N, C-alpha and C. Protein backbone atom coordinates (compact mmCIF):
# COMPACT_ATOMS: atom_id res chain seq x y z
N MET A 1 0.83 -1.21 0.00
CA MET A 1 0.00 0.00 0.00
C MET A 1 0.86 1.25 0.00
N LEU A 2 1.96 1.22 0.75
CA LEU A 2 2.87 2.36 0.77
C LEU A 2 3.40 2.65 -0.62
N ASN A 3 3.75 1.58 -1.37
CA ASN A 3 4.33 1.78 -2.68
C ASN A 3 3.33 2.40 -3.64
N GLU A 4 2.02 2.08 -3.48
CA GLU A 4 1.00 2.68 -4.33
C GLU A 4 0.94 4.19 -4.10
N ILE A 5 1.10 4.60 -2.84
CA ILE A 5 1.09 6.03 -2.51
C ILE A 5 2.32 6.71 -3.11
N PHE A 6 3.49 6.04 -3.01
CA PHE A 6 4.72 6.63 -3.50
C PHE A 6 4.75 6.72 -5.02
N LYS A 7 4.02 5.81 -5.70
CA LYS A 7 3.97 5.86 -7.16
C LYS A 7 3.29 7.14 -7.63
N LYS A 8 2.27 7.59 -6.91
CA LYS A 8 1.54 8.77 -7.29
C LYS A 8 2.37 10.03 -7.06
N ASP A 9 3.20 10.02 -6.04
CA ASP A 9 4.02 11.19 -5.71
C ASP A 9 5.37 10.68 -5.19
N LYS A 10 6.38 10.71 -6.05
CA LYS A 10 7.69 10.17 -5.67
C LYS A 10 8.33 10.96 -4.55
N SER A 11 7.97 12.23 -4.41
CA SER A 11 8.56 13.03 -3.34
C SER A 11 8.18 12.49 -1.96
N LYS A 12 7.04 11.78 -1.88
CA LYS A 12 6.61 11.22 -0.60
C LYS A 12 7.56 10.14 -0.13
N ARG A 13 8.23 9.45 -1.07
CA ARG A 13 9.20 8.44 -0.68
C ARG A 13 10.38 9.07 0.05
N PHE A 14 10.84 10.22 -0.46
CA PHE A 14 11.97 10.90 0.18
C PHE A 14 11.55 11.51 1.51
N ILE A 15 10.30 11.97 1.59
CA ILE A 15 9.80 12.51 2.86
C ILE A 15 9.75 11.39 3.90
N PHE A 16 9.24 10.22 3.49
CA PHE A 16 9.16 9.07 4.39
C PHE A 16 10.56 8.66 4.84
N MET A 17 11.52 8.65 3.90
CA MET A 17 12.89 8.28 4.22
C MET A 17 13.49 9.29 5.21
N PHE A 18 13.25 10.58 4.98
CA PHE A 18 13.79 11.62 5.85
C PHE A 18 13.21 11.53 7.26
N VAL A 19 11.89 11.32 7.35
CA VAL A 19 11.23 11.23 8.66
C VAL A 19 11.74 10.02 9.42
N LEU A 20 11.86 8.87 8.73
CA LEU A 20 12.33 7.66 9.40
C LEU A 20 13.77 7.82 9.87
N ALA A 21 14.62 8.40 9.02
CA ALA A 21 16.02 8.61 9.39
C ALA A 21 16.14 9.59 10.56
N SER A 22 15.38 10.67 10.51
CA SER A 22 15.42 11.67 11.59
C SER A 22 14.94 11.08 12.91
N ALA A 23 13.89 10.26 12.84
CA ALA A 23 13.38 9.63 14.05
C ALA A 23 14.41 8.68 14.65
N GLY A 24 15.10 7.93 13.79
CA GLY A 24 16.15 7.04 14.28
C GLY A 24 17.28 7.79 14.94
N PHE A 25 17.69 8.90 14.32
CA PHE A 25 18.77 9.72 14.87
C PHE A 25 18.37 10.30 16.22
N ALA A 26 17.14 10.83 16.31
CA ALA A 26 16.68 11.45 17.55
C ALA A 26 16.53 10.43 18.68
N LEU A 27 15.98 9.25 18.35
CA LEU A 27 15.80 8.22 19.38
C LEU A 27 17.14 7.67 19.86
N ALA A 28 18.09 7.53 18.94
CA ALA A 28 19.41 7.04 19.34
C ALA A 28 20.11 8.04 20.26
N LEU A 29 19.99 9.33 19.95
CA LEU A 29 20.57 10.35 20.81
C LEU A 29 19.87 10.38 22.17
N ALA A 30 18.54 10.26 22.16
CA ALA A 30 17.79 10.30 23.41
C ALA A 30 18.13 9.12 24.32
N ALA A 31 18.57 8.02 23.71
CA ALA A 31 18.94 6.84 24.50
C ALA A 31 20.34 6.96 25.09
N GLY A 32 21.02 8.07 24.80
CA GLY A 32 22.34 8.30 25.36
C GLY A 32 23.49 7.81 24.52
N ASN A 33 23.25 7.50 23.26
CA ASN A 33 24.33 7.04 22.37
C ASN A 33 25.10 8.21 21.81
N SER A 34 26.26 7.91 21.24
CA SER A 34 27.10 8.95 20.68
C SER A 34 26.51 9.47 19.37
N VAL A 35 27.02 10.62 18.93
CA VAL A 35 26.55 11.21 17.67
C VAL A 35 26.92 10.30 16.50
N LEU A 36 28.08 9.66 16.57
CA LEU A 36 28.52 8.77 15.49
C LEU A 36 27.57 7.57 15.36
N PHE A 37 27.24 6.97 16.51
CA PHE A 37 26.31 5.83 16.49
C PHE A 37 24.93 6.27 16.01
N SER A 38 24.49 7.42 16.47
CA SER A 38 23.18 7.94 16.05
C SER A 38 23.16 8.23 14.55
N GLY A 39 24.28 8.73 14.05
CA GLY A 39 24.36 8.97 12.61
C GLY A 39 24.28 7.68 11.81
N GLY A 40 24.92 6.63 12.35
CA GLY A 40 24.84 5.33 11.69
C GLY A 40 23.41 4.81 11.65
N CYS A 41 22.69 4.96 12.75
CA CYS A 41 21.27 4.57 12.79
C CYS A 41 20.46 5.38 11.80
N CYS A 42 20.79 6.66 11.68
CA CYS A 42 20.09 7.53 10.75
C CYS A 42 20.26 7.04 9.31
N ILE A 43 21.50 6.69 8.95
CA ILE A 43 21.77 6.22 7.58
C ILE A 43 21.06 4.90 7.30
N ILE A 44 21.15 3.98 8.26
CA ILE A 44 20.54 2.66 8.07
C ILE A 44 19.03 2.77 7.90
N LEU A 45 18.39 3.55 8.76
CA LEU A 45 16.93 3.72 8.66
C LEU A 45 16.54 4.48 7.40
N GLY A 46 17.39 5.40 6.97
CA GLY A 46 17.11 6.12 5.73
C GLY A 46 17.12 5.19 4.53
N VAL A 47 18.11 4.30 4.50
CA VAL A 47 18.18 3.32 3.40
C VAL A 47 16.97 2.38 3.44
N ILE A 48 16.62 1.93 4.64
CA ILE A 48 15.44 1.06 4.79
C ILE A 48 14.18 1.79 4.32
N GLY A 49 14.05 3.06 4.70
CA GLY A 49 12.88 3.83 4.31
C GLY A 49 12.77 4.04 2.82
N PHE A 50 13.93 4.07 2.12
CA PHE A 50 13.91 4.28 0.67
C PHE A 50 13.56 3.00 -0.08
N PHE A 51 14.13 1.86 0.37
CA PHE A 51 13.95 0.62 -0.39
C PHE A 51 12.80 -0.25 0.10
N ALA A 52 12.29 -0.01 1.32
CA ALA A 52 11.22 -0.85 1.86
C ALA A 52 9.97 -0.88 0.99
N PRO A 53 9.48 0.27 0.46
CA PRO A 53 8.28 0.21 -0.39
C PRO A 53 8.49 -0.64 -1.64
N GLN A 54 9.67 -0.55 -2.27
CA GLN A 54 9.95 -1.36 -3.45
C GLN A 54 9.95 -2.84 -3.11
N PHE A 55 10.57 -3.18 -1.99
CA PHE A 55 10.62 -4.58 -1.57
C PHE A 55 9.22 -5.11 -1.29
N MET A 56 8.40 -4.30 -0.61
CA MET A 56 7.04 -4.71 -0.30
C MET A 56 6.22 -4.90 -1.57
N GLU A 57 6.42 -4.02 -2.55
CA GLU A 57 5.67 -4.14 -3.81
C GLU A 57 6.08 -5.38 -4.58
N LYS A 58 7.36 -5.73 -4.57
CA LYS A 58 7.82 -6.94 -5.25
C LYS A 58 7.23 -8.18 -4.61
N ARG A 59 7.19 -8.20 -3.28
CA ARG A 59 6.59 -9.34 -2.58
C ARG A 59 5.10 -9.46 -2.89
N ARG A 60 4.41 -8.32 -2.93
CA ARG A 60 2.98 -8.33 -3.25
C ARG A 60 2.75 -8.84 -4.67
N LYS A 61 3.58 -8.38 -5.60
CA LYS A 61 3.43 -8.80 -7.00
C LYS A 61 3.71 -10.29 -7.15
N LYS A 62 4.72 -10.78 -6.47
CA LYS A 62 5.04 -12.21 -6.54
C LYS A 62 3.90 -13.05 -5.98
N LYS A 63 3.30 -12.59 -4.89
CA LYS A 63 2.18 -13.31 -4.29
C LYS A 63 0.98 -13.32 -5.23
N GLU A 64 0.74 -12.19 -5.91
CA GLU A 64 -0.38 -12.12 -6.84
C GLU A 64 -0.17 -13.05 -8.02
N LEU A 65 1.06 -13.12 -8.54
CA LEU A 65 1.34 -14.01 -9.66
C LEU A 65 1.10 -15.47 -9.27
N ARG A 66 1.47 -15.81 -8.05
CA ARG A 66 1.20 -17.17 -7.58
C ARG A 66 -0.30 -17.43 -7.48
N MET A 67 -1.05 -16.43 -7.03
CA MET A 67 -2.50 -16.58 -6.93
C MET A 67 -3.13 -16.71 -8.31
N TYR A 68 -2.59 -16.01 -9.30
CA TYR A 68 -3.05 -16.17 -10.68
C TYR A 68 -2.95 -17.63 -11.11
N GLU A 69 -1.77 -18.22 -10.87
CA GLU A 69 -1.53 -19.60 -11.29
C GLU A 69 -2.44 -20.58 -10.54
N ILE A 70 -2.70 -20.31 -9.28
CA ILE A 70 -3.53 -21.21 -8.48
C ILE A 70 -4.99 -21.16 -8.90
N ASP A 71 -5.51 -19.96 -9.20
CA ASP A 71 -6.93 -19.80 -9.50
C ASP A 71 -7.27 -19.98 -10.97
N MET A 72 -6.27 -19.97 -11.84
CA MET A 72 -6.54 -20.03 -13.28
C MET A 72 -7.25 -21.32 -13.68
N ALA A 73 -6.87 -22.44 -13.09
CA ALA A 73 -7.48 -23.73 -13.46
C ALA A 73 -8.98 -23.71 -13.22
N ASP A 74 -9.41 -23.24 -12.06
CA ASP A 74 -10.84 -23.21 -11.74
C ASP A 74 -11.59 -22.26 -12.68
N TYR A 75 -10.97 -21.14 -12.99
CA TYR A 75 -11.61 -20.18 -13.90
C TYR A 75 -11.78 -20.79 -15.29
N LEU A 76 -10.75 -21.46 -15.77
CA LEU A 76 -10.81 -22.06 -17.11
C LEU A 76 -11.83 -23.20 -17.18
N ILE A 77 -11.95 -23.95 -16.09
CA ILE A 77 -12.96 -25.02 -16.06
C ILE A 77 -14.36 -24.41 -16.18
N GLY A 78 -14.60 -23.31 -15.48
CA GLY A 78 -15.89 -22.62 -15.59
C GLY A 78 -16.14 -22.12 -17.00
N VAL A 79 -15.11 -21.56 -17.64
CA VAL A 79 -15.24 -21.08 -19.02
C VAL A 79 -15.56 -22.26 -19.96
N THR A 80 -14.89 -23.38 -19.75
CA THR A 80 -15.09 -24.56 -20.59
C THR A 80 -16.53 -25.06 -20.50
N LEU A 81 -17.08 -25.11 -19.30
CA LEU A 81 -18.46 -25.58 -19.12
C LEU A 81 -19.46 -24.65 -19.82
N LEU A 82 -19.20 -23.35 -19.74
CA LEU A 82 -20.09 -22.39 -20.38
C LEU A 82 -19.99 -22.46 -21.90
N LEU A 83 -18.78 -22.68 -22.41
CA LEU A 83 -18.60 -22.84 -23.86
C LEU A 83 -19.32 -24.09 -24.35
N SER A 84 -19.25 -25.15 -23.54
CA SER A 84 -19.90 -26.40 -23.93
C SER A 84 -21.42 -26.26 -23.96
N SER A 85 -21.95 -25.31 -23.18
CA SER A 85 -23.40 -25.09 -23.16
C SER A 85 -23.88 -24.24 -24.32
N GLY A 86 -22.94 -23.74 -25.14
CA GLY A 86 -23.32 -22.99 -26.34
C GLY A 86 -23.10 -21.50 -26.27
N LEU A 87 -22.56 -20.97 -25.17
CA LEU A 87 -22.30 -19.54 -25.08
C LEU A 87 -21.08 -19.15 -25.91
N THR A 88 -21.01 -17.89 -26.27
CA THR A 88 -19.84 -17.39 -27.00
C THR A 88 -18.65 -17.27 -26.05
N LEU A 89 -17.48 -17.08 -26.62
CA LEU A 89 -16.28 -16.99 -25.80
C LEU A 89 -16.34 -15.79 -24.86
N GLY A 90 -16.77 -14.65 -25.39
CA GLY A 90 -16.84 -13.45 -24.56
C GLY A 90 -17.80 -13.60 -23.39
N ASP A 91 -18.98 -14.15 -23.68
CA ASP A 91 -19.97 -14.37 -22.61
C ASP A 91 -19.47 -15.39 -21.60
N SER A 92 -18.78 -16.42 -22.08
CA SER A 92 -18.27 -17.46 -21.17
C SER A 92 -17.20 -16.89 -20.25
N LEU A 93 -16.32 -16.07 -20.80
CA LEU A 93 -15.27 -15.47 -19.98
C LEU A 93 -15.86 -14.54 -18.92
N ARG A 94 -16.95 -13.86 -19.27
CA ARG A 94 -17.58 -12.94 -18.33
C ARG A 94 -18.39 -13.70 -17.27
N ARG A 95 -19.19 -14.65 -17.71
CA ARG A 95 -20.09 -15.34 -16.77
C ARG A 95 -19.34 -16.32 -15.87
N ALA A 96 -18.13 -16.70 -16.24
CA ALA A 96 -17.34 -17.58 -15.37
C ALA A 96 -16.95 -16.87 -14.08
N LEU A 97 -17.13 -15.56 -14.04
CA LEU A 97 -16.83 -14.79 -12.83
C LEU A 97 -17.97 -14.84 -11.83
N ASN A 98 -19.15 -15.24 -12.28
CA ASN A 98 -20.32 -15.28 -11.39
C ASN A 98 -20.08 -16.27 -10.24
N GLY A 99 -20.25 -15.78 -9.03
CA GLY A 99 -20.05 -16.62 -7.86
C GLY A 99 -18.61 -16.75 -7.42
N ALA A 100 -17.69 -16.15 -8.17
CA ALA A 100 -16.27 -16.24 -7.81
C ALA A 100 -15.94 -15.22 -6.73
N ASP A 101 -14.87 -15.48 -6.01
CA ASP A 101 -14.41 -14.57 -4.96
C ASP A 101 -13.63 -13.43 -5.61
N ILE A 102 -14.27 -12.27 -5.75
CA ILE A 102 -13.66 -11.14 -6.44
C ILE A 102 -12.46 -10.58 -5.67
N ARG A 103 -12.29 -10.98 -4.41
CA ARG A 103 -11.13 -10.51 -3.65
C ARG A 103 -9.84 -11.15 -4.14
N LYS A 104 -9.96 -12.29 -4.82
CA LYS A 104 -8.76 -12.94 -5.36
C LYS A 104 -8.25 -12.16 -6.58
N PRO A 105 -6.93 -12.03 -6.72
CA PRO A 105 -6.36 -11.17 -7.77
C PRO A 105 -6.84 -11.49 -9.18
N LEU A 106 -6.91 -12.77 -9.55
CA LEU A 106 -7.30 -13.12 -10.91
C LEU A 106 -8.73 -12.68 -11.21
N TYR A 107 -9.67 -13.06 -10.35
CA TYR A 107 -11.06 -12.70 -10.58
C TYR A 107 -11.27 -11.19 -10.47
N ARG A 108 -10.56 -10.56 -9.55
CA ARG A 108 -10.69 -9.11 -9.38
C ARG A 108 -10.24 -8.37 -10.64
N ASP A 109 -9.09 -8.77 -11.19
CA ASP A 109 -8.54 -8.07 -12.34
C ASP A 109 -9.34 -8.36 -13.61
N ILE A 110 -9.85 -9.59 -13.77
CA ILE A 110 -10.67 -9.87 -14.96
C ILE A 110 -12.00 -9.13 -14.86
N ALA A 111 -12.55 -9.03 -13.64
CA ALA A 111 -13.78 -8.25 -13.46
C ALA A 111 -13.54 -6.78 -13.82
N ARG A 112 -12.40 -6.24 -13.43
CA ARG A 112 -12.06 -4.86 -13.80
C ARG A 112 -11.88 -4.74 -15.31
N LEU A 113 -11.35 -5.78 -15.92
CA LEU A 113 -11.16 -5.79 -17.36
C LEU A 113 -12.51 -5.64 -18.08
N PHE A 114 -13.50 -6.41 -17.64
CA PHE A 114 -14.81 -6.32 -18.27
C PHE A 114 -15.50 -4.99 -17.95
N ASP A 115 -15.24 -4.46 -16.77
CA ASP A 115 -15.76 -3.12 -16.46
C ASP A 115 -15.17 -2.09 -17.41
N GLY A 116 -13.88 -2.26 -17.74
CA GLY A 116 -13.23 -1.36 -18.68
C GLY A 116 -13.79 -1.49 -20.09
N ILE A 117 -14.13 -2.72 -20.48
CA ILE A 117 -14.74 -2.93 -21.79
C ILE A 117 -16.10 -2.25 -21.85
N ASP A 118 -16.90 -2.42 -20.80
CA ASP A 118 -18.22 -1.79 -20.76
C ASP A 118 -18.13 -0.27 -20.77
N ALA A 119 -17.06 0.26 -20.18
CA ALA A 119 -16.88 1.71 -20.12
C ALA A 119 -16.25 2.28 -21.38
N GLY A 120 -15.89 1.41 -22.32
CA GLY A 120 -15.27 1.87 -23.57
C GLY A 120 -13.78 2.12 -23.48
N LYS A 121 -13.16 1.60 -22.43
CA LYS A 121 -11.72 1.80 -22.26
C LYS A 121 -10.93 1.01 -23.29
N TYR A 122 -11.45 -0.16 -23.69
CA TYR A 122 -10.77 -1.02 -24.65
C TYR A 122 -11.62 -1.13 -25.91
N GLY A 123 -10.92 -1.31 -27.03
CA GLY A 123 -11.62 -1.42 -28.31
C GLY A 123 -12.32 -2.75 -28.48
N SER A 124 -11.75 -3.80 -27.91
CA SER A 124 -12.33 -5.13 -28.04
C SER A 124 -11.86 -6.02 -26.90
N LEU A 125 -12.42 -7.22 -26.85
CA LEU A 125 -12.00 -8.18 -25.82
C LEU A 125 -10.53 -8.55 -25.99
N VAL A 126 -10.09 -8.68 -27.24
CA VAL A 126 -8.69 -9.02 -27.52
C VAL A 126 -7.76 -7.94 -27.00
N ASP A 127 -8.09 -6.68 -27.29
CA ASP A 127 -7.26 -5.57 -26.80
C ASP A 127 -7.19 -5.55 -25.28
N ALA A 128 -8.32 -5.83 -24.64
CA ALA A 128 -8.36 -5.82 -23.18
C ALA A 128 -7.46 -6.90 -22.60
N PHE A 129 -7.54 -8.12 -23.11
CA PHE A 129 -6.72 -9.20 -22.57
C PHE A 129 -5.24 -9.03 -22.93
N GLU A 130 -4.95 -8.48 -24.09
CA GLU A 130 -3.55 -8.23 -24.44
C GLU A 130 -2.94 -7.20 -23.50
N THR A 131 -3.69 -6.17 -23.16
CA THR A 131 -3.21 -5.16 -22.20
C THR A 131 -3.04 -5.78 -20.82
N PHE A 132 -4.00 -6.59 -20.43
CA PHE A 132 -3.96 -7.26 -19.13
C PHE A 132 -2.74 -8.17 -19.03
N ALA A 133 -2.47 -8.95 -20.08
CA ALA A 133 -1.33 -9.88 -20.07
C ALA A 133 0.00 -9.14 -19.99
N SER A 134 0.10 -8.02 -20.70
CA SER A 134 1.36 -7.27 -20.69
C SER A 134 1.60 -6.58 -19.35
N GLU A 135 0.52 -6.21 -18.66
CA GLU A 135 0.66 -5.51 -17.39
C GLU A 135 0.93 -6.45 -16.22
N CYS A 136 0.26 -7.61 -16.20
CA CYS A 136 0.39 -8.49 -15.03
C CYS A 136 1.62 -9.38 -15.10
N GLY A 137 2.06 -9.77 -16.30
CA GLY A 137 3.26 -10.59 -16.43
C GLY A 137 3.09 -12.03 -15.99
N SER A 138 1.86 -12.52 -15.98
CA SER A 138 1.60 -13.90 -15.56
C SER A 138 1.64 -14.83 -16.77
N PRO A 139 2.40 -15.94 -16.69
CA PRO A 139 2.44 -16.89 -17.82
C PRO A 139 1.07 -17.48 -18.14
N SER A 140 0.27 -17.77 -17.12
CA SER A 140 -1.05 -18.36 -17.37
C SER A 140 -1.98 -17.38 -18.07
N VAL A 141 -1.90 -16.10 -17.70
CA VAL A 141 -2.71 -15.09 -18.37
C VAL A 141 -2.24 -14.89 -19.80
N SER A 142 -0.94 -14.95 -20.04
CA SER A 142 -0.40 -14.83 -21.40
C SER A 142 -0.88 -15.98 -22.27
N THR A 143 -0.92 -17.20 -21.71
CA THR A 143 -1.39 -18.36 -22.47
C THR A 143 -2.88 -18.21 -22.79
N LEU A 144 -3.67 -17.78 -21.80
CA LEU A 144 -5.09 -17.55 -22.02
C LEU A 144 -5.30 -16.50 -23.11
N THR A 145 -4.53 -15.43 -23.06
CA THR A 145 -4.65 -14.36 -24.05
C THR A 145 -4.31 -14.86 -25.45
N ALA A 146 -3.29 -15.70 -25.55
CA ALA A 146 -2.91 -16.24 -26.86
C ALA A 146 -4.03 -17.07 -27.47
N VAL A 147 -4.73 -17.84 -26.64
CA VAL A 147 -5.86 -18.65 -27.12
C VAL A 147 -7.00 -17.75 -27.57
N ILE A 148 -7.27 -16.69 -26.80
CA ILE A 148 -8.34 -15.75 -27.16
C ILE A 148 -8.03 -15.06 -28.48
N VAL A 149 -6.79 -14.62 -28.64
CA VAL A 149 -6.38 -13.95 -29.88
C VAL A 149 -6.50 -14.91 -31.07
N GLN A 150 -6.06 -16.14 -30.87
CA GLN A 150 -6.16 -17.14 -31.94
C GLN A 150 -7.62 -17.37 -32.35
N ASN A 151 -8.50 -17.44 -31.35
CA ASN A 151 -9.92 -17.69 -31.66
C ASN A 151 -10.53 -16.54 -32.45
N TYR A 152 -10.19 -15.29 -32.08
CA TYR A 152 -10.80 -14.14 -32.73
C TYR A 152 -10.20 -13.87 -34.11
N LYS A 153 -8.93 -14.23 -34.30
CA LYS A 153 -8.29 -13.96 -35.59
C LYS A 153 -8.51 -15.09 -36.60
N LYS A 154 -8.43 -16.33 -36.14
CA LYS A 154 -8.51 -17.47 -37.04
C LYS A 154 -9.80 -18.26 -36.89
N GLY A 155 -10.43 -18.13 -35.73
CA GLY A 155 -11.63 -18.91 -35.46
C GLY A 155 -11.27 -20.32 -35.03
N SER A 156 -12.15 -20.94 -34.30
CA SER A 156 -11.91 -22.30 -33.85
C SER A 156 -13.24 -22.98 -33.61
N GLY A 157 -13.46 -24.09 -34.31
CA GLY A 157 -14.70 -24.83 -34.13
C GLY A 157 -14.67 -25.72 -32.92
N GLU A 158 -13.51 -25.87 -32.30
CA GLU A 158 -13.36 -26.73 -31.13
C GLU A 158 -12.84 -25.92 -29.95
N ILE A 159 -13.41 -24.73 -29.75
CA ILE A 159 -12.92 -23.84 -28.71
C ILE A 159 -13.14 -24.44 -27.32
N ALA A 160 -14.23 -25.18 -27.12
CA ALA A 160 -14.48 -25.78 -25.81
C ALA A 160 -13.41 -26.83 -25.49
N GLU A 161 -13.07 -27.65 -26.49
CA GLU A 161 -12.02 -28.66 -26.28
C GLU A 161 -10.68 -28.00 -26.03
N LEU A 162 -10.44 -26.89 -26.71
CA LEU A 162 -9.17 -26.17 -26.53
C LEU A 162 -9.07 -25.61 -25.11
N PHE A 163 -10.16 -25.08 -24.60
CA PHE A 163 -10.15 -24.55 -23.24
C PHE A 163 -10.08 -25.67 -22.21
N TYR A 164 -10.63 -26.82 -22.54
CA TYR A 164 -10.52 -27.95 -21.63
C TYR A 164 -9.06 -28.38 -21.48
N GLU A 165 -8.36 -28.47 -22.61
CA GLU A 165 -6.94 -28.81 -22.56
C GLU A 165 -6.15 -27.74 -21.80
N LEU A 166 -6.54 -26.49 -22.01
CA LEU A 166 -5.88 -25.39 -21.31
C LEU A 166 -6.11 -25.49 -19.80
N SER A 167 -7.32 -25.87 -19.40
CA SER A 167 -7.62 -26.00 -17.97
C SER A 167 -6.85 -27.16 -17.36
N MET A 168 -6.67 -28.25 -18.10
CA MET A 168 -5.89 -29.38 -17.60
C MET A 168 -4.42 -28.99 -17.42
N SER A 169 -3.92 -28.21 -18.37
CA SER A 169 -2.54 -27.72 -18.26
C SER A 169 -2.40 -26.80 -17.05
N ALA A 170 -3.41 -25.97 -16.82
CA ALA A 170 -3.38 -25.07 -15.66
C ALA A 170 -3.43 -25.85 -14.36
N ARG A 171 -4.19 -26.96 -14.34
CA ARG A 171 -4.25 -27.79 -13.14
C ARG A 171 -2.90 -28.43 -12.84
N ASN A 172 -2.21 -28.87 -13.90
CA ASN A 172 -0.87 -29.45 -13.70
C ASN A 172 0.11 -28.39 -13.19
N SER A 173 -0.01 -27.18 -13.73
CA SER A 173 0.86 -26.09 -13.28
C SER A 173 0.59 -25.75 -11.82
N ARG A 174 -0.69 -25.78 -11.44
CA ARG A 174 -1.05 -25.50 -10.05
C ARG A 174 -0.51 -26.58 -9.12
N LYS A 175 -0.59 -27.83 -9.57
CA LYS A 175 -0.07 -28.93 -8.77
C LYS A 175 1.43 -28.78 -8.55
N TYR A 176 2.15 -28.44 -9.62
CA TYR A 176 3.60 -28.25 -9.51
C TYR A 176 3.92 -27.08 -8.58
N LEU A 177 3.15 -25.98 -8.70
CA LEU A 177 3.39 -24.80 -7.85
C LEU A 177 3.13 -25.12 -6.39
N CYS A 178 2.07 -25.87 -6.10
CA CYS A 178 1.76 -26.24 -4.71
C CYS A 178 2.85 -27.12 -4.12
N MET A 179 3.39 -28.03 -4.94
CA MET A 179 4.49 -28.88 -4.47
C MET A 179 5.73 -28.02 -4.19
N LYS A 180 5.96 -27.04 -5.03
CA LYS A 180 7.11 -26.14 -4.84
C LYS A 180 6.96 -25.32 -3.57
N LEU A 181 5.75 -24.81 -3.33
CA LEU A 181 5.49 -24.03 -2.12
C LEU A 181 5.63 -24.88 -0.87
N ALA A 182 5.20 -26.15 -0.97
CA ALA A 182 5.34 -27.06 0.17
C ALA A 182 6.81 -27.31 0.49
N ASP A 183 7.64 -27.47 -0.56
CA ASP A 183 9.07 -27.67 -0.35
C ASP A 183 9.71 -26.43 0.27
N GLU A 184 9.28 -25.25 -0.19
CA GLU A 184 9.81 -24.01 0.37
C GLU A 184 9.43 -23.87 1.85
N ALA A 185 8.19 -24.24 2.17
CA ALA A 185 7.75 -24.16 3.57
C ALA A 185 8.55 -25.11 4.45
N SER A 186 8.84 -26.31 3.93
CA SER A 186 9.65 -27.26 4.70
C SER A 186 11.06 -26.72 4.95
N THR A 187 11.60 -26.07 3.93
CA THR A 187 12.94 -25.49 4.07
C THR A 187 12.94 -24.36 5.10
N LEU A 188 11.90 -23.52 5.08
CA LEU A 188 11.82 -22.42 6.03
C LEU A 188 11.68 -22.91 7.46
N LEU A 189 11.04 -24.07 7.63
CA LEU A 189 10.88 -24.62 8.98
C LEU A 189 12.21 -25.05 9.58
N LEU A 190 13.20 -25.30 8.72
CA LEU A 190 14.51 -25.71 9.22
C LEU A 190 15.25 -24.55 9.89
N ILE A 191 14.90 -23.31 9.52
CA ILE A 191 15.62 -22.14 10.05
C ILE A 191 15.42 -22.02 11.56
N PRO A 192 14.17 -21.99 12.08
CA PRO A 192 14.03 -21.90 13.55
C PRO A 192 14.60 -23.11 14.27
N SER A 193 14.51 -24.31 13.64
CA SER A 193 15.07 -25.51 14.27
C SER A 193 16.59 -25.38 14.40
N THR A 194 17.22 -24.84 13.34
CA THR A 194 18.67 -24.65 13.38
C THR A 194 19.06 -23.63 14.44
N MET A 195 18.28 -22.56 14.55
CA MET A 195 18.58 -21.53 15.54
C MET A 195 18.46 -22.08 16.96
N VAL A 196 17.43 -22.88 17.19
CA VAL A 196 17.26 -23.50 18.52
C VAL A 196 18.42 -24.45 18.82
N LEU A 197 18.87 -25.21 17.81
CA LEU A 197 19.97 -26.14 18.00
C LEU A 197 21.26 -25.40 18.35
N ILE A 198 21.51 -24.29 17.64
CA ILE A 198 22.70 -23.49 17.91
C ILE A 198 22.65 -22.92 19.34
N ALA A 199 21.44 -22.47 19.74
CA ALA A 199 21.29 -21.92 21.09
C ALA A 199 21.54 -22.98 22.15
N LEU A 200 21.06 -24.19 21.92
CA LEU A 200 21.26 -25.28 22.88
C LEU A 200 22.73 -25.67 22.97
N VAL A 201 23.39 -25.76 21.81
CA VAL A 201 24.82 -26.11 21.81
C VAL A 201 25.62 -25.05 22.54
N THR A 202 25.28 -23.77 22.28
CA THR A 202 25.98 -22.67 22.96
C THR A 202 25.76 -22.73 24.47
N LEU A 203 24.52 -23.02 24.87
CA LEU A 203 24.19 -23.10 26.29
C LEU A 203 24.94 -24.24 26.98
N LEU A 204 25.11 -25.36 26.27
CA LEU A 204 25.81 -26.50 26.86
C LEU A 204 27.32 -26.30 26.90
N LEU A 205 27.85 -25.61 25.90
CA LEU A 205 29.31 -25.44 25.82
C LEU A 205 29.82 -24.27 26.66
N THR A 206 28.95 -23.31 26.97
CA THR A 206 29.40 -22.12 27.70
C THR A 206 30.04 -22.46 29.05
N PRO A 207 29.45 -23.31 29.90
CA PRO A 207 30.10 -23.64 31.18
C PRO A 207 31.48 -24.27 30.99
N ALA A 208 31.59 -25.15 29.99
CA ALA A 208 32.88 -25.80 29.75
C ALA A 208 33.93 -24.80 29.31
N VAL A 209 33.54 -23.87 28.43
CA VAL A 209 34.49 -22.85 27.96
C VAL A 209 34.91 -21.93 29.10
N MET A 210 33.95 -21.54 29.95
CA MET A 210 34.28 -20.68 31.09
C MET A 210 35.21 -21.40 32.07
N THR A 211 35.02 -22.70 32.26
CA THR A 211 35.90 -23.48 33.15
C THR A 211 37.30 -23.52 32.58
N LEU A 212 37.44 -23.73 31.29
CA LEU A 212 38.76 -23.78 30.66
C LEU A 212 39.45 -22.44 30.76
N MET A 213 38.69 -21.34 30.63
CA MET A 213 39.27 -20.02 30.72
C MET A 213 39.79 -19.74 32.14
N GLU A 214 39.09 -20.24 33.14
CA GLU A 214 39.53 -20.03 34.52
C GLU A 214 40.82 -20.79 34.81
N ILE A 215 40.92 -21.98 34.17
CA ILE A 215 42.16 -22.77 34.37
C ILE A 215 43.33 -22.08 33.70
């Protein structure tokens, strides 16, 4: 959220950096530290204040891309069912949002896309999805857009079957991503275990080291 504010007015980033650095300097001095130490705190907090919004935005974007990949399979299955019932591609893409959780990034952004089409922001459905794919940078959205462009430019008599295959591919991608996230979570769990082990070893060895030093 901070990064969204800073995008609108870049000067606010420098103001935030200055305020954070000044607060660090003042608090360090108030705690009775030297001017040199306080200056170091000022510099460190200033750097953190400058780069923190960018770091937060990258983490948010990475999380959204993962959510795109996770939710794409369910969305495509809904589109496939609607296509099989005889609806057009545009209507199927729109109606597949019915009942979906709009708070999720994929459904939220596609809903905004159709709002933009209704408002005349885009010339056509193809233009809207091409803009969406270029802005979000999601591989699954790019693949979906390529299929939509192919259908509108060349036509396809088997569009429902094509979307079914696309949904199966998205399900496999989601399965692989979930396995990857599970492996990452297992790796992260090793960090606190390692820290506890180091603390225990230090606690056990400290008396022995102090005894040796006394000798």
